[in-house]
Protein backbone atom coordinates (compact mmCIF):
# COMPACT_ATOMS: atom_id res chain seq x y z
CA MET A 1 19.57 8.06 10.80
CA LEU A 2 20.99 10.55 8.34
CA ALA A 3 17.52 11.70 7.17
CA GLU A 4 16.80 12.93 10.72
CA ARG A 5 19.88 15.16 10.66
CA VAL A 6 19.86 16.40 7.04
CA PHE A 7 16.43 17.80 6.17
CA ALA A 8 17.02 17.52 2.40
CA LEU A 9 17.23 13.74 2.70
CA HIS A 10 13.91 13.38 4.52
CA PRO A 11 11.77 14.00 1.39
CA VAL A 12 13.91 11.45 -0.44
CA GLN A 13 13.05 8.99 2.31
CA HIS A 14 9.35 9.71 1.74
CA LEU A 15 9.67 9.18 -2.00
CA LEU A 16 11.38 5.85 -1.40
CA LEU A 17 8.60 4.85 0.99
CA HIS A 18 6.00 5.93 -1.54
CA SER A 19 7.54 4.55 -4.73
CA LEU A 20 10.36 2.07 -4.30
CA GLY A 21 9.27 0.38 -1.06
CA PRO A 22 5.90 -0.90 -2.33
CA MET A 23 7.45 -2.17 -5.54
CA LEU A 24 10.14 -4.05 -3.60
CA LEU A 25 7.43 -5.51 -1.36
CA MET A 26 5.63 -6.74 -4.47
CA PHE A 27 8.86 -8.41 -5.65
CA ALA A 28 9.03 -10.26 -2.33
CA VAL A 29 5.49 -11.68 -2.73
CA PRO A 30 4.98 -11.55 1.06
CA GLU A 31 1.38 -12.74 1.24
CA VAL A 32 2.10 -16.42 1.94
CA PRO A 33 4.70 -15.96 4.72
CA LEU A 34 2.68 -13.13 6.30
CA ILE A 35 -0.48 -15.20 6.40
CA ALA A 36 1.36 -18.34 7.53
CA GLY A 37 3.00 -16.38 10.35
CA MET A 38 -0.29 -15.07 11.72
CA PRO A 39 -1.85 -16.71 14.77
CA GLU A 40 -4.64 -19.12 13.88
CA TRP A 41 -7.27 -17.05 15.70
CA LEU A 42 -6.28 -13.94 13.70
CA ARG A 43 -6.50 -15.79 10.39
CA ARG A 44 -9.79 -17.44 11.28
CA HIS A 45 -11.65 -14.58 12.99
CA VAL A 46 -10.21 -11.47 11.33
CA LEU A 47 -8.45 -12.17 8.03
CA THR A 48 -10.88 -14.74 6.57
CA PRO A 49 -14.00 -12.60 7.20
CA LEU A 50 -12.23 -9.55 5.73
CA VAL A 51 -10.99 -11.35 2.63
CA THR A 52 -14.30 -13.11 1.96
CA SER A 53 -16.40 -10.00 2.64
CA LEU A 54 -18.13 -8.78 -0.50
CA ALA A 55 -17.90 -5.19 0.76
CA MET A 56 -14.11 -5.39 1.26
CA ARG A 57 -13.64 -7.08 -2.11
CA ALA A 58 -15.70 -4.32 -3.74
CA ILE A 59 -13.72 -1.59 -1.97
CA PHE A 60 -10.35 -3.07 -2.93
CA GLY A 61 -11.64 -3.87 -6.40
CA PHE A 62 -12.50 -0.20 -6.85
CA LEU A 63 -9.29 1.13 -5.25
CA SER A 64 -7.10 -1.16 -7.35
CA ARG A 65 -8.50 0.03 -10.66
CA PRO A 66 -5.60 1.63 -12.55
CA VAL A 67 -7.19 5.08 -12.88
CA VAL A 68 -8.20 5.19 -9.21
CA ALA A 69 -4.81 3.84 -8.09
CA ILE A 70 -2.96 6.48 -10.13
CA PHE A 71 -5.19 9.23 -8.71
CA LEU A 72 -4.63 8.05 -5.12
CA TYR A 73 -0.90 7.53 -5.69
CA LEU A 74 -0.31 11.01 -7.11
CA GLY A 75 -2.93 12.56 -4.84
CA SER A 76 -1.21 11.38 -1.68
CA LEU A 77 2.11 12.64 -2.96
CA TYR A 78 0.74 16.09 -3.72
CA PHE A 79 -1.57 16.24 -0.68
CA TRP A 80 1.32 16.03 1.75
CA GLN A 81 3.11 18.83 -0.12
CA ILE A 82 0.31 21.34 0.47
CA PRO A 83 1.99 23.87 2.77
CA GLU A 84 -0.60 23.70 5.56
CA TYR A 85 -0.49 19.90 5.75
CA HIS A 86 3.26 19.75 5.30
CA GLU A 87 3.70 22.18 8.20
CA MET A 88 1.31 20.08 10.26
CA THR A 89 3.48 16.99 9.67
CA LEU A 90 6.52 18.91 10.87
CA ARG A 91 4.80 20.14 14.04
CA ASP A 92 2.82 17.06 15.04
CA GLU A 93 4.61 13.72 15.12
CA SER A 94 1.36 11.72 15.03
CA VAL A 95 0.36 13.43 11.76
CA HIS A 96 3.82 12.78 10.40
CA TYR A 97 3.46 9.09 11.18
CA LEU A 98 0.00 9.08 9.57
CA MET A 99 1.66 10.26 6.36
CA HIS A 100 3.92 7.20 6.20
CA PRO A 101 1.21 4.49 6.01
CA SER A 102 -0.84 6.62 3.62
CA MET A 103 2.12 6.80 1.24
CA LEU A 104 2.87 3.10 1.63
CA PHE A 105 -0.80 2.13 1.13
CA THR A 106 -1.23 4.19 -2.03
CA GLY A 107 2.11 2.90 -3.33
CA LEU A 108 0.94 -0.68 -2.74
CA LEU A 109 -2.37 0.04 -4.49
CA PHE A 110 -0.49 1.50 -7.44
CA SER A 111 1.94 -1.41 -7.66
CA GLY A 112 -0.89 -3.92 -7.23
CA ALA A 113 -3.12 -2.29 -9.83
CA PHE A 114 -0.45 -2.68 -12.46
CA SER A 115 0.79 -6.02 -11.13
CA ILE A 116 4.26 -4.55 -10.70
CA PRO A 117 5.80 -7.07 -10.53
CA ASP A 118 3.58 -10.11 -10.66
CA ARG A 119 5.60 -13.30 -10.88
CA ARG A 120 2.57 -15.55 -10.58
CA PRO A 121 1.54 -17.40 -13.73
CA TRP A 122 -1.46 -15.89 -15.44
CA VAL A 123 -4.67 -17.88 -15.07
CA PRO A 124 -7.59 -17.21 -17.44
CA GLY A 125 -10.30 -15.29 -15.60
CA MET A 126 -7.97 -13.98 -12.88
CA GLU A 127 -8.22 -10.26 -12.22
CA PRO A 128 -5.06 -8.15 -11.79
CA GLY A 129 -4.14 -6.50 -8.54
CA TRP A 130 -5.73 -7.82 -5.35
CA SER A 131 -6.78 -11.13 -6.92
CA CYS A 132 -4.34 -12.90 -4.60
CA CYS A 133 -6.89 -12.34 -1.83
CA ALA A 134 -9.85 -13.83 -3.66
CA PRO A 135 -11.21 -17.08 -2.20
CA ARG A 136 -10.42 -20.11 -4.28
């Protein structure tokens, strides 16, 4: 990959992972095919308890609030630019690969908090963001 050979392109790759990637994932509306493609035991014993858990719903409800999502989104971007942590990502591959999901997760929270984009029809009483995971 070109970003592995030209260092100046690597930060661009991170910005795409942080900003454009989550938004494109939201355009794809991947929840239904991802859930349908899971093994039955995983849906029944892992996903359903997580999605119906009041604690998980409260955590994601808090994290998907616009102010919190903006703080996490910008915070993760700036956190990885702190010289000590940035150097650590360059020296330790495991830390570098921890940075990628943190950027993707905060990008997804940001996109979800603002329903960017949300092609589902609006239903009165439906909350924005992670409402796709609410039991019906």
